[in-house]
Amino acid sequence: MQITTDLAGIRKEYRLQSLLEKDVEADPIVQFEKWWKQAIASDIEEVNAMTLATCTHEGKPSARIVLLKEIRKDGFIFFTNYNSKKGTQLHQNPFASLVFFWKELERQIRVEGEIEKISGKESDEYFSKRPIQSRIGAWSSPQSEVIKNREVLEANVSYYNERFKSQHIPRPQHWGGYIVKPTLVEFWQGRPGRLHDRLQYVRNEKNLWIIERLAP
């Protein structure tokens, strides 16, 4: 089957803003928060959606969209099932990459770094704030496993709704948060003629951030 859409002709000229060394913060987390506030003010739908890329111990990559739930001075936090495909890969290879794309601002941010679980207490605190059905869902879904049909999930939901009826719903031990601690952060601003601005923060041997310009 041939795709009839002229893919080669699909393009957009970026011209909203620039990204110069004199305009950025010395710390990439502070710079991220600066862009984050501008993204929030732009009413971007699901502004916290990000691509999370992981690898097996053999180097086979996998990627999916997850939601950023907290920004800290030392990294970026999201939550998931520890037994899922991503959780299994992160156990095998505790490094990850994140990508944010905010097309309304013609911006992209890439993060590379080490990853680790946050504390059980922190995961408990977040889990307790989730909607009830999201908490039930965390118990009901054997995430990434092959299941026979939709009825399996629905039966699990019915079971856990009954089990936790009128009770506190605890966090499953197989569910919780991760923090990606960056060693590299790249800020990308679209520019005309595909001559985009790319500024990269890299940690040096003294644990200081070095800012470098990359060719587009």
N, C-alpha and C. Protein backbone atom coordinates (compact mmCIF):
# COMPACT_ATOMS: atom_id res chain seq x y z
N MET A 1 0.85 -1.20 0.00
CA MET A 1 0.00 0.00 0.00
C MET A 1 0.88 1.25 0.00
N GLN A 2 0.55 2.17 -0.87
CA GLN A 2 1.33 3.40 -0.98
C GLN A 2 0.65 4.52 -0.21
N ILE A 3 1.45 5.26 0.55
CA ILE A 3 0.92 6.42 1.26
C ILE A 3 0.80 7.56 0.27
N THR A 4 -0.41 8.10 0.13
CA THR A 4 -0.65 9.11 -0.91
C THR A 4 -0.29 10.51 -0.46
N THR A 5 -0.21 10.74 0.85
CA THR A 5 0.12 12.07 1.35
C THR A 5 1.55 12.43 0.95
N ASP A 6 1.74 13.66 0.49
CA ASP A 6 3.07 14.13 0.12
C ASP A 6 3.85 14.47 1.39
N LEU A 7 4.47 13.45 2.00
CA LEU A 7 5.18 13.65 3.26
C LEU A 7 6.35 14.62 3.10
N ALA A 8 7.02 14.55 1.96
CA ALA A 8 8.17 15.43 1.74
C ALA A 8 7.77 16.90 1.72
N GLY A 9 6.51 17.15 1.40
CA GLY A 9 6.06 18.54 1.31
C GLY A 9 5.52 19.10 2.60
N ILE A 10 5.44 18.26 3.64
CA ILE A 10 4.92 18.74 4.93
C ILE A 10 6.05 19.40 5.69
N ARG A 11 5.96 20.67 5.90
CA ARG A 11 6.99 21.39 6.66
C ARG A 11 6.42 22.68 7.21
N LYS A 12 7.02 23.16 8.26
CA LYS A 12 6.62 24.42 8.86
C LYS A 12 7.85 25.29 9.06
N GLU A 13 7.73 26.55 8.76
CA GLU A 13 8.83 27.48 8.97
C GLU A 13 8.75 28.03 10.39
N TYR A 14 9.78 27.81 11.17
CA TYR A 14 9.81 28.27 12.57
C TYR A 14 10.40 29.67 12.64
N ARG A 15 9.71 30.57 13.31
CA ARG A 15 10.22 31.95 13.35
C ARG A 15 9.77 32.73 14.59
N LEU A 16 9.23 32.05 15.60
CA LEU A 16 8.68 32.78 16.74
C LEU A 16 9.74 33.47 17.60
N GLN A 17 10.81 32.72 17.97
CA GLN A 17 11.77 33.25 18.92
C GLN A 17 13.17 32.76 18.59
N SER A 18 14.14 33.26 19.37
CA SER A 18 15.52 32.80 19.25
C SER A 18 15.97 32.27 20.61
N LEU A 19 17.13 31.63 20.63
CA LEU A 19 17.69 31.12 21.87
C LEU A 19 19.20 31.40 21.84
N LEU A 20 19.61 32.42 22.57
CA LEU A 20 21.01 32.84 22.59
C LEU A 20 21.62 32.59 23.96
N GLU A 21 22.92 32.41 24.00
CA GLU A 21 23.62 32.11 25.24
C GLU A 21 23.37 33.16 26.30
N LYS A 22 23.30 34.42 25.90
CA LYS A 22 23.11 35.51 26.87
C LYS A 22 21.74 35.52 27.52
N ASP A 23 20.82 34.75 26.95
CA ASP A 23 19.44 34.77 27.43
C ASP A 23 19.08 33.60 28.34
N VAL A 24 20.00 32.63 28.52
CA VAL A 24 19.65 31.44 29.28
C VAL A 24 20.26 31.46 30.68
N GLU A 25 19.66 30.65 31.56
CA GLU A 25 20.13 30.53 32.94
C GLU A 25 21.35 29.59 33.00
N ALA A 26 22.12 29.72 34.07
CA ALA A 26 23.32 28.90 34.22
C ALA A 26 22.99 27.45 34.57
N ASP A 27 21.83 27.23 35.18
CA ASP A 27 21.42 25.89 35.60
C ASP A 27 20.28 25.42 34.68
N PRO A 28 20.37 24.21 34.11
CA PRO A 28 19.33 23.76 33.19
C PRO A 28 17.96 23.55 33.83
N ILE A 29 17.93 23.21 35.10
CA ILE A 29 16.64 23.05 35.76
C ILE A 29 15.95 24.41 35.89
N VAL A 30 16.71 25.43 36.20
CA VAL A 30 16.15 26.79 36.28
C VAL A 30 15.68 27.23 34.89
N GLN A 31 16.47 26.91 33.86
CA GLN A 31 16.07 27.25 32.50
C GLN A 31 14.82 26.47 32.10
N PHE A 32 14.75 25.20 32.49
CA PHE A 32 13.55 24.40 32.21
C PHE A 32 12.33 25.04 32.86
N GLU A 33 12.44 25.45 34.11
CA GLU A 33 11.31 26.07 34.81
C GLU A 33 10.88 27.36 34.12
N LYS A 34 11.84 28.09 33.58
CA LYS A 34 11.53 29.33 32.85
C LYS A 34 10.69 29.01 31.62
N TRP A 35 11.13 28.02 30.85
CA TRP A 35 10.35 27.63 29.67
C TRP A 35 9.04 26.97 30.08
N TRP A 36 9.05 26.23 31.19
CA TRP A 36 7.84 25.57 31.67
C TRP A 36 6.74 26.59 31.97
N LYS A 37 7.10 27.65 32.65
CA LYS A 37 6.13 28.69 32.99
C LYS A 37 5.56 29.32 31.73
N GLN A 38 6.39 29.51 30.72
CA GLN A 38 5.91 30.07 29.46
C GLN A 38 4.99 29.08 28.74
N ALA A 39 5.29 27.80 28.85
CA ALA A 39 4.44 26.77 28.24
C ALA A 39 3.08 26.71 28.93
N ILE A 40 3.09 26.79 30.27
CA ILE A 40 1.84 26.80 31.03
C ILE A 40 0.98 28.00 30.63
N ALA A 41 1.63 29.16 30.48
CA ALA A 41 0.91 30.39 30.12
C ALA A 41 0.35 30.31 28.70
N SER A 42 0.88 29.42 27.89
CA SER A 42 0.44 29.29 26.50
C SER A 42 -0.73 28.33 26.33
N ASP A 43 -1.22 27.77 27.45
CA ASP A 43 -2.37 26.86 27.42
C ASP A 43 -2.15 25.67 26.50
N ILE A 44 -0.95 25.08 26.54
CA ILE A 44 -0.66 23.90 25.74
C ILE A 44 -1.38 22.70 26.35
N GLU A 45 -2.10 21.95 25.53
CA GLU A 45 -2.83 20.80 26.04
C GLU A 45 -1.86 19.70 26.45
N GLU A 46 -2.06 19.15 27.65
CA GLU A 46 -1.17 18.13 28.22
C GLU A 46 0.30 18.55 28.10
N VAL A 47 0.57 19.73 28.64
CA VAL A 47 1.90 20.32 28.57
C VAL A 47 2.94 19.43 29.23
N ASN A 48 2.52 18.58 30.17
CA ASN A 48 3.47 17.71 30.88
C ASN A 48 3.70 16.37 30.21
N ALA A 49 3.16 16.17 29.01
CA ALA A 49 3.40 14.93 28.27
C ALA A 49 4.84 14.93 27.76
N MET A 50 5.51 13.80 27.93
CA MET A 50 6.91 13.69 27.48
C MET A 50 7.18 12.29 26.99
N THR A 51 8.05 12.17 26.02
CA THR A 51 8.50 10.87 25.57
C THR A 51 9.56 10.36 26.53
N LEU A 52 9.40 9.12 26.98
CA LEU A 52 10.38 8.47 27.83
C LEU A 52 11.00 7.32 27.03
N ALA A 53 12.30 7.37 26.81
CA ALA A 53 13.01 6.31 26.10
C ALA A 53 13.86 5.52 27.09
N THR A 54 13.77 4.20 26.99
CA THR A 54 14.54 3.30 27.85
C THR A 54 15.21 2.26 26.97
N CYS A 55 16.12 1.48 27.55
CA CYS A 55 16.81 0.43 26.82
C CYS A 55 16.94 -0.82 27.67
N THR A 56 16.95 -1.98 27.01
CA THR A 56 17.27 -3.22 27.71
C THR A 56 18.77 -3.26 27.98
N HIS A 57 19.20 -4.25 28.72
CA HIS A 57 20.64 -4.39 28.98
C HIS A 57 21.40 -4.72 27.71
N GLU A 58 20.67 -5.17 26.67
CA GLU A 58 21.29 -5.46 25.38
C GLU A 58 21.34 -4.25 24.47
N GLY A 59 20.74 -3.13 24.92
CA GLY A 59 20.76 -1.91 24.12
C GLY A 59 19.58 -1.75 23.19
N LYS A 60 18.53 -2.58 23.32
CA LYS A 60 17.35 -2.47 22.48
C LYS A 60 16.46 -1.36 23.03
N PRO A 61 16.19 -0.30 22.25
CA PRO A 61 15.44 0.84 22.76
C PRO A 61 13.93 0.65 22.72
N SER A 62 13.25 1.42 23.54
CA SER A 62 11.80 1.43 23.58
C SER A 62 11.38 2.82 24.05
N ALA A 63 10.26 3.33 23.51
CA ALA A 63 9.82 4.68 23.88
C ALA A 63 8.32 4.74 23.97
N ARG A 64 7.83 5.66 24.82
CA ARG A 64 6.40 5.86 25.00
C ARG A 64 6.17 7.23 25.64
N ILE A 65 4.93 7.69 25.66
CA ILE A 65 4.59 8.96 26.29
C ILE A 65 4.17 8.70 27.73
N VAL A 66 4.75 9.47 28.65
CA VAL A 66 4.34 9.46 30.06
C VAL A 66 4.13 10.91 30.48
N LEU A 67 3.70 11.10 31.72
CA LEU A 67 3.41 12.46 32.20
C LEU A 67 4.38 12.88 33.29
N LEU A 68 4.97 14.04 33.11
CA LEU A 68 5.81 14.63 34.15
C LEU A 68 4.92 15.04 35.32
N LYS A 69 5.29 14.65 36.54
CA LYS A 69 4.47 14.95 37.70
C LYS A 69 5.14 15.88 38.71
N GLU A 70 6.45 16.06 38.60
CA GLU A 70 7.12 16.97 39.52
C GLU A 70 8.49 17.34 38.94
N ILE A 71 8.87 18.60 39.15
CA ILE A 71 10.18 19.08 38.76
C ILE A 71 10.91 19.43 40.05
N ARG A 72 12.07 18.84 40.23
CA ARG A 72 12.90 19.14 41.40
C ARG A 72 14.24 19.70 40.95
N LYS A 73 14.98 20.25 41.87
CA LYS A 73 16.27 20.82 41.52
C LYS A 73 17.24 19.76 41.02
N ASP A 74 16.97 18.48 41.35
CA ASP A 74 17.86 17.41 40.92
C ASP A 74 17.26 16.51 39.85
N GLY A 75 16.05 16.83 39.34
CA GLY A 75 15.53 16.00 38.28
C GLY A 75 14.03 16.07 38.04
N PHE A 76 13.57 15.09 37.23
CA PHE A 76 12.20 15.06 36.72
C PHE A 76 11.53 13.76 37.16
N ILE A 77 10.32 13.87 37.71
CA ILE A 77 9.65 12.72 38.31
C ILE A 77 8.41 12.31 37.52
N PHE A 78 8.26 10.99 37.34
CA PHE A 78 7.04 10.42 36.78
C PHE A 78 6.73 9.14 37.56
N PHE A 79 5.53 8.61 37.36
CA PHE A 79 5.07 7.42 38.09
C PHE A 79 4.62 6.34 37.11
N THR A 80 4.79 5.08 37.52
CA THR A 80 4.40 3.98 36.66
C THR A 80 4.37 2.67 37.45
N ASN A 81 4.02 1.61 36.75
CA ASN A 81 4.07 0.26 37.30
C ASN A 81 5.51 -0.25 37.18
N TYR A 82 6.11 -0.64 38.29
CA TYR A 82 7.50 -1.10 38.27
C TYR A 82 7.67 -2.39 37.46
N ASN A 83 6.58 -3.17 37.30
CA ASN A 83 6.65 -4.43 36.57
C ASN A 83 6.35 -4.27 35.09
N SER A 84 6.09 -3.06 34.65
CA SER A 84 5.78 -2.80 33.25
C SER A 84 7.03 -2.98 32.39
N LYS A 85 6.89 -2.86 31.09
CA LYS A 85 8.03 -2.99 30.19
C LYS A 85 9.08 -1.93 30.51
N LYS A 86 8.62 -0.68 30.72
CA LYS A 86 9.58 0.37 31.03
C LYS A 86 10.26 0.13 32.37
N GLY A 87 9.49 -0.35 33.35
CA GLY A 87 10.05 -0.63 34.67
C GLY A 87 11.10 -1.73 34.62
N THR A 88 10.80 -2.77 33.83
CA THR A 88 11.75 -3.88 33.67
C THR A 88 13.04 -3.39 33.02
N GLN A 89 12.90 -2.56 31.98
CA GLN A 89 14.08 -2.05 31.30
C GLN A 89 14.89 -1.12 32.20
N LEU A 90 14.22 -0.32 33.00
CA LEU A 90 14.93 0.59 33.89
C LEU A 90 15.67 -0.17 34.99
N HIS A 91 15.14 -1.34 35.35
CA HIS A 91 15.85 -2.18 36.31
C HIS A 91 17.12 -2.76 35.68
N GLN A 92 17.01 -3.13 34.41
CA GLN A 92 18.15 -3.70 33.69
C GLN A 92 19.19 -2.64 33.34
N ASN A 93 18.72 -1.46 33.02
CA ASN A 93 19.59 -0.40 32.50
C ASN A 93 19.10 0.94 33.04
N PRO A 94 19.60 1.41 34.17
CA PRO A 94 19.04 2.58 34.86
C PRO A 94 19.44 3.93 34.28
N PHE A 95 19.23 4.05 32.96
CA PHE A 95 19.46 5.32 32.27
C PHE A 95 18.26 5.57 31.38
N ALA A 96 17.92 6.84 31.16
CA ALA A 96 16.74 7.15 30.37
C ALA A 96 16.91 8.48 29.66
N SER A 97 16.05 8.70 28.69
CA SER A 97 16.01 9.97 27.96
C SER A 97 14.57 10.46 27.92
N LEU A 98 14.39 11.77 28.06
CA LEU A 98 13.08 12.41 27.99
C LEU A 98 13.08 13.40 26.84
N VAL A 99 11.92 13.57 26.21
CA VAL A 99 11.77 14.59 25.18
C VAL A 99 10.43 15.31 25.39
N PHE A 100 10.49 16.63 25.48
CA PHE A 100 9.30 17.48 25.50
C PHE A 100 9.24 18.20 24.16
N PHE A 101 8.05 18.26 23.54
CA PHE A 101 7.88 19.03 22.30
C PHE A 101 6.65 19.91 22.45
N TRP A 102 6.89 21.21 22.46
CA TRP A 102 5.82 22.20 22.58
C TRP A 102 5.73 22.95 21.26
N LYS A 103 4.95 22.42 20.34
CA LYS A 103 4.90 22.98 18.99
C LYS A 103 4.36 24.40 18.96
N GLU A 104 3.49 24.72 19.93
CA GLU A 104 2.93 26.08 19.96
C GLU A 104 4.02 27.13 20.19
N LEU A 105 5.10 26.74 20.87
CA LEU A 105 6.21 27.65 21.13
C LEU A 105 7.42 27.32 20.24
N GLU A 106 7.26 26.32 19.37
CA GLU A 106 8.35 25.89 18.48
C GLU A 106 9.58 25.51 19.30
N ARG A 107 9.35 24.72 20.36
CA ARG A 107 10.42 24.36 21.28
C ARG A 107 10.45 22.87 21.55
N GLN A 108 11.65 22.39 21.83
CA GLN A 108 11.87 21.01 22.22
C GLN A 108 12.94 20.98 23.31
N ILE A 109 12.77 20.07 24.26
CA ILE A 109 13.77 19.89 25.32
C ILE A 109 14.09 18.40 25.39
N ARG A 110 15.39 18.08 25.36
CA ARG A 110 15.84 16.70 25.53
C ARG A 110 16.60 16.57 26.84
N VAL A 111 16.35 15.49 27.55
CA VAL A 111 17.02 15.22 28.82
C VAL A 111 17.61 13.82 28.77
N GLU A 112 18.86 13.69 29.16
CA GLU A 112 19.48 12.37 29.31
C GLU A 112 20.04 12.27 30.72
N GLY A 113 19.88 11.10 31.35
CA GLY A 113 20.41 10.99 32.70
C GLY A 113 20.21 9.64 33.33
N GLU A 114 20.67 9.55 34.55
CA GLU A 114 20.49 8.35 35.35
C GLU A 114 19.12 8.38 36.00
N ILE A 115 18.60 7.21 36.32
CA ILE A 115 17.25 7.15 36.88
C ILE A 115 17.23 6.24 38.10
N GLU A 116 16.41 6.61 39.07
CA GLU A 116 16.25 5.79 40.26
C GLU A 116 14.86 5.97 40.83
N LYS A 117 14.43 5.02 41.64
CA LYS A 117 13.12 5.13 42.28
C LYS A 117 13.17 6.20 43.36
N ILE A 118 12.07 6.91 43.53
CA ILE A 118 11.94 7.81 44.67
C ILE A 118 11.50 6.97 45.87
N SER A 119 11.44 7.58 47.04
CA SER A 119 11.12 6.81 48.24
C SER A 119 9.67 6.33 48.24
N GLY A 120 9.43 5.26 48.99
CA GLY A 120 8.07 4.75 49.13
C GLY A 120 7.14 5.80 49.73
N LYS A 121 7.64 6.58 50.66
CA LYS A 121 6.82 7.62 51.29
C LYS A 121 6.38 8.65 50.27
N GLU A 122 7.30 9.06 49.39
CA GLU A 122 6.94 10.04 48.36
C GLU A 122 5.93 9.46 47.39
N SER A 123 6.10 8.19 47.03
CA SER A 123 5.14 7.56 46.13
C SER A 123 3.77 7.43 46.79
N ASP A 124 3.76 7.11 48.11
CA ASP A 124 2.50 7.02 48.85
C ASP A 124 1.76 8.36 48.83
N GLU A 125 2.50 9.43 49.03
CA GLU A 125 1.90 10.76 49.07
C GLU A 125 1.25 11.11 47.75
N TYR A 126 1.94 10.82 46.64
CA TYR A 126 1.35 11.11 45.34
C TYR A 126 0.16 10.20 45.06
N PHE A 127 0.30 8.91 45.36
CA PHE A 127 -0.76 7.95 45.07
C PHE A 127 -2.05 8.34 45.79
N SER A 128 -1.94 8.84 47.01
CA SER A 128 -3.13 9.19 47.79
C SER A 128 -3.90 10.37 47.18
N LYS A 129 -3.24 11.13 46.30
CA LYS A 129 -3.88 12.29 45.66
C LYS A 129 -4.51 11.95 44.33
N ARG A 130 -4.28 10.74 43.84
CA ARG A 130 -4.86 10.34 42.55
C ARG A 130 -6.37 10.12 42.69
N PRO A 131 -7.11 10.29 41.59
CA PRO A 131 -8.54 9.96 41.63
C PRO A 131 -8.73 8.49 42.01
N ILE A 132 -9.86 8.19 42.63
CA ILE A 132 -10.12 6.83 43.11
C ILE A 132 -9.98 5.81 42.00
N GLN A 133 -10.55 6.08 40.83
CA GLN A 133 -10.49 5.10 39.76
C GLN A 133 -9.07 4.90 39.22
N SER A 134 -8.24 5.93 39.33
CA SER A 134 -6.84 5.77 38.94
C SER A 134 -6.11 4.88 39.93
N ARG A 135 -6.47 5.00 41.22
CA ARG A 135 -5.86 4.12 42.23
C ARG A 135 -6.32 2.68 42.03
N ILE A 136 -7.61 2.50 41.74
CA ILE A 136 -8.11 1.16 41.45
C ILE A 136 -7.43 0.60 40.20
N GLY A 137 -7.22 1.47 39.20
CA GLY A 137 -6.59 1.04 37.97
C GLY A 137 -5.17 0.54 38.19
N ALA A 138 -4.45 1.16 39.12
CA ALA A 138 -3.08 0.72 39.41
C ALA A 138 -3.07 -0.70 39.95
N TRP A 139 -4.09 -1.07 40.71
CA TRP A 139 -4.21 -2.44 41.22
C TRP A 139 -4.70 -3.40 40.14
N SER A 140 -5.55 -2.90 39.23
CA SER A 140 -6.27 -3.78 38.31
C SER A 140 -5.48 -4.17 37.07
N SER A 141 -4.53 -3.33 36.66
CA SER A 141 -3.86 -3.57 35.39
C SER A 141 -2.48 -4.20 35.56
N PRO A 142 -2.27 -5.40 35.04
CA PRO A 142 -0.93 -6.00 35.01
C PRO A 142 -0.17 -5.40 33.82
N GLN A 143 0.23 -4.18 33.95
CA GLN A 143 0.70 -3.36 32.84
C GLN A 143 1.76 -4.05 31.99
N SER A 144 1.58 -3.98 30.69
CA SER A 144 2.47 -4.52 29.64
C SER A 144 2.35 -6.02 29.46
N GLU A 145 1.58 -6.70 30.31
CA GLU A 145 1.40 -8.14 30.12
C GLU A 145 0.31 -8.41 29.08
N VAL A 146 0.45 -9.52 28.38
CA VAL A 146 -0.59 -9.94 27.43
C VAL A 146 -1.79 -10.45 28.22
N ILE A 147 -2.99 -9.94 27.89
CA ILE A 147 -4.21 -10.41 28.55
C ILE A 147 -5.19 -10.91 27.47
N LYS A 148 -6.12 -11.74 27.89
CA LYS A 148 -7.01 -12.41 26.93
C LYS A 148 -7.94 -11.42 26.25
N ASN A 149 -8.53 -10.51 27.02
CA ASN A 149 -9.49 -9.56 26.46
C ASN A 149 -9.75 -8.43 27.45
N ARG A 150 -10.60 -7.49 27.04
CA ARG A 150 -10.94 -6.34 27.88
C ARG A 150 -11.64 -6.77 29.16
N GLU A 151 -12.38 -7.86 29.09
CA GLU A 151 -13.14 -8.33 30.24
C GLU A 151 -12.22 -8.66 31.43
N VAL A 152 -10.98 -9.03 31.16
CA VAL A 152 -10.04 -9.30 32.24
C VAL A 152 -9.84 -8.06 33.09
N LEU A 153 -9.63 -6.92 32.43
CA LEU A 153 -9.46 -5.66 33.17
C LEU A 153 -10.72 -5.29 33.93
N GLU A 154 -11.87 -5.42 33.26
CA GLU A 154 -13.12 -5.05 33.89
C GLU A 154 -13.41 -5.92 35.11
N ALA A 155 -13.07 -7.19 35.02
CA ALA A 155 -13.26 -8.09 36.16
C ALA A 155 -12.33 -7.69 37.31
N ASN A 156 -11.10 -7.32 36.98
CA ASN A 156 -10.16 -6.87 38.01
C ASN A 156 -10.66 -5.60 38.69
N VAL A 157 -11.17 -4.67 37.90
CA VAL A 157 -11.70 -3.43 38.47
C VAL A 157 -12.86 -3.72 39.42
N SER A 158 -13.75 -4.60 39.02
CA SER A 158 -14.88 -4.97 39.89
C SER A 158 -14.38 -5.59 41.19
N TYR A 159 -13.39 -6.45 41.08
CA TYR A 159 -12.83 -7.11 42.26
C TYR A 159 -12.24 -6.10 43.24
N TYR A 160 -11.41 -5.18 42.71
CA TYR A 160 -10.73 -4.23 43.61
C TYR A 160 -11.67 -3.13 44.10
N ASN A 161 -12.70 -2.81 43.32
CA ASN A 161 -13.71 -1.89 43.83
C ASN A 161 -14.41 -2.48 45.04
N GLU A 162 -14.69 -3.77 44.97
CA GLU A 162 -15.34 -4.45 46.09
C GLU A 162 -14.37 -4.61 47.25
N ARG A 163 -13.16 -4.96 46.96
CA ARG A 163 -12.16 -5.19 48.01
C ARG A 163 -11.90 -3.92 48.83
N PHE A 164 -11.82 -2.78 48.14
CA PHE A 164 -11.48 -1.53 48.84
C PHE A 164 -12.71 -0.66 49.11
N LYS A 165 -13.89 -1.23 48.99
CA LYS A 165 -15.12 -0.47 49.20
C LYS A 165 -15.11 0.16 50.59
N SER A 166 -15.30 1.46 50.63
CA SER A 166 -15.37 2.20 51.90
C SER A 166 -14.08 2.08 52.71
N GLN A 167 -12.98 1.80 52.06
CA GLN A 167 -11.71 1.69 52.75
C GLN A 167 -10.65 2.57 52.07
N HIS A 168 -9.58 2.81 52.80
CA HIS A 168 -8.43 3.48 52.21
C HIS A 168 -7.81 2.56 51.16
N ILE A 169 -7.45 3.12 50.00
CA ILE A 169 -6.83 2.34 48.94
C ILE A 169 -5.32 2.55 49.02
N PRO A 170 -4.58 1.55 49.47
CA PRO A 170 -3.13 1.71 49.61
C PRO A 170 -2.43 1.64 48.25
N ARG A 171 -1.23 2.13 48.21
CA ARG A 171 -0.42 2.04 46.99
C ARG A 171 0.11 0.61 46.81
N PRO A 172 -0.09 0.03 45.61
CA PRO A 172 0.51 -1.29 45.37
C PRO A 172 2.03 -1.18 45.44
N GLN A 173 2.69 -2.18 45.96
CA GLN A 173 4.15 -2.14 46.05
C GLN A 173 4.82 -2.16 44.68
N HIS A 174 4.08 -2.58 43.66
CA HIS A 174 4.66 -2.63 42.31
C HIS A 174 4.45 -1.33 41.54
N TRP A 175 4.02 -0.29 42.23
CA TRP A 175 3.71 0.98 41.55
C TRP A 175 4.37 2.12 42.32
N GLY A 176 4.97 3.06 41.59
CA GLY A 176 5.60 4.19 42.28
C GLY A 176 6.33 5.11 41.33
N GLY A 177 7.15 5.97 41.90
CA GLY A 177 7.79 7.02 41.13
C GLY A 177 9.25 6.78 40.83
N TYR A 178 9.69 7.40 39.74
CA TYR A 178 11.09 7.44 39.34
C TYR A 178 11.52 8.91 39.20
N ILE A 179 12.80 9.16 39.40
CA ILE A 179 13.36 10.46 39.11
C ILE A 179 14.48 10.31 38.10
N VAL A 180 14.43 11.11 37.04
CA VAL A 180 15.50 11.16 36.06
C VAL A 180 16.43 12.30 36.47
N LYS A 181 17.66 11.95 36.81
CA LYS A 181 18.65 12.94 37.24
C LYS A 181 19.54 13.27 36.04
N PRO A 182 19.39 14.47 35.48
CA PRO A 182 20.05 14.75 34.20
C PRO A 182 21.57 14.89 34.27
N THR A 183 22.20 14.38 33.23
CA THR A 183 23.61 14.63 32.99
C THR A 183 23.78 15.47 31.72
N LEU A 184 22.69 15.56 30.95
CA LEU A 184 22.66 16.38 29.73
C LEU A 184 21.24 16.90 29.53
N VAL A 185 21.13 18.19 29.21
CA VAL A 185 19.84 18.79 28.89
C VAL A 185 20.04 19.69 27.67
N GLU A 186 19.23 19.47 26.64
CA GLU A 186 19.32 20.31 25.45
C GLU A 186 18.03 21.08 25.23
N PHE A 187 18.18 22.39 24.98
CA PHE A 187 17.05 23.26 24.67
C PHE A 187 17.12 23.62 23.18
N TRP A 188 16.01 23.40 22.50
CA TRP A 188 15.93 23.57 21.05
C TRP A 188 14.85 24.60 20.74
N GLN A 189 15.22 25.62 19.99
CA GLN A 189 14.26 26.64 19.56
C GLN A 189 14.26 26.68 18.04
N GLY A 190 13.08 26.47 17.44
CA GLY A 190 12.98 26.49 15.99
C GLY A 190 13.32 27.85 15.41
N ARG A 191 14.03 27.84 14.29
CA ARG A 191 14.43 29.08 13.60
C ARG A 191 14.21 28.92 12.10
N PRO A 192 14.13 30.01 11.36
CA PRO A 192 13.90 29.93 9.91
C PRO A 192 15.01 29.17 9.18
N GLY A 193 14.64 28.56 8.07
CA GLY A 193 15.61 27.88 7.23
C GLY A 193 16.21 26.64 7.86
N ARG A 194 15.56 26.11 8.87
CA ARG A 194 16.05 24.93 9.60
C ARG A 194 17.38 25.20 10.31
N LEU A 195 17.75 26.47 10.49
CA LEU A 195 18.95 26.81 11.24
C LEU A 195 18.57 27.07 12.70
N HIS A 196 18.11 26.01 13.35
CA HIS A 196 17.56 26.11 14.69
C HIS A 196 18.64 26.42 15.73
N ASP A 197 18.21 27.02 16.84
CA ASP A 197 19.10 27.25 17.98
C ASP A 197 19.07 26.02 18.88
N ARG A 198 20.24 25.50 19.21
CA ARG A 198 20.37 24.34 20.11
C ARG A 198 21.45 24.64 21.15
N LEU A 199 21.04 24.73 22.41
CA LEU A 199 21.98 24.93 23.50
C LEU A 199 21.94 23.71 24.41
N GLN A 200 23.09 23.16 24.66
CA GLN A 200 23.22 21.93 25.43
C GLN A 200 23.98 22.18 26.74
N TYR A 201 23.40 21.68 27.83
CA TYR A 201 24.06 21.72 29.14
C TYR A 201 24.63 20.33 29.41
N VAL A 202 25.91 20.26 29.76
CA VAL A 202 26.57 19.00 30.06
C VAL A 202 27.33 19.14 31.38
N ARG A 203 27.23 18.12 32.22
CA ARG A 203 27.99 18.13 33.48
C ARG A 203 29.44 17.76 33.20
N ASN A 204 30.37 18.55 33.77
CA ASN A 204 31.78 18.21 33.60
C ASN A 204 32.29 17.39 34.79
N GLU A 205 33.59 17.13 34.80
CA GLU A 205 34.16 16.28 35.85
C GLU A 205 34.09 16.91 37.23
N LYS A 206 33.87 18.23 37.30
CA LYS A 206 33.73 18.93 38.57
C LYS A 206 32.27 19.08 38.99
N ASN A 207 31.38 18.39 38.24
CA ASN A 207 29.94 18.41 38.51
C ASN A 207 29.33 19.79 38.27
N LEU A 208 29.94 20.55 37.38
CA LEU A 208 29.43 21.87 36.99
C LEU A 208 28.81 21.77 35.60
N TRP A 209 27.85 22.66 35.33
CA TRP A 209 27.18 22.64 34.04
C TRP A 209 27.93 23.51 33.04
N ILE A 210 28.22 22.94 31.88
CA ILE A 210 28.86 23.64 30.78
C ILE A 210 27.82 23.82 29.67
N ILE A 211 27.71 25.03 29.15
CA ILE A 211 26.74 25.31 28.08
C ILE A 211 27.48 25.32 26.74
N GLU A 212 26.96 24.53 25.79
CA GLU A 212 27.57 24.41 24.47
C GLU A 212 26.51 24.64 23.40
N ARG A 213 26.90 25.26 22.30
CA ARG A 213 25.98 25.41 21.16
C ARG A 213 26.22 24.27 20.19
N LEU A 214 25.10 23.66 19.74
CA LEU A 214 25.16 22.59 18.77
C LEU A 214 24.68 23.08 17.40
N ALA A 215 25.31 22.57 16.35
CA ALA A 215 24.83 22.89 15.01
C ALA A 215 23.47 22.23 14.81
N PRO A 216 22.55 22.91 14.11
CA PRO A 216 21.22 22.33 13.89
C PRO A 216 21.26 21.14 12.93
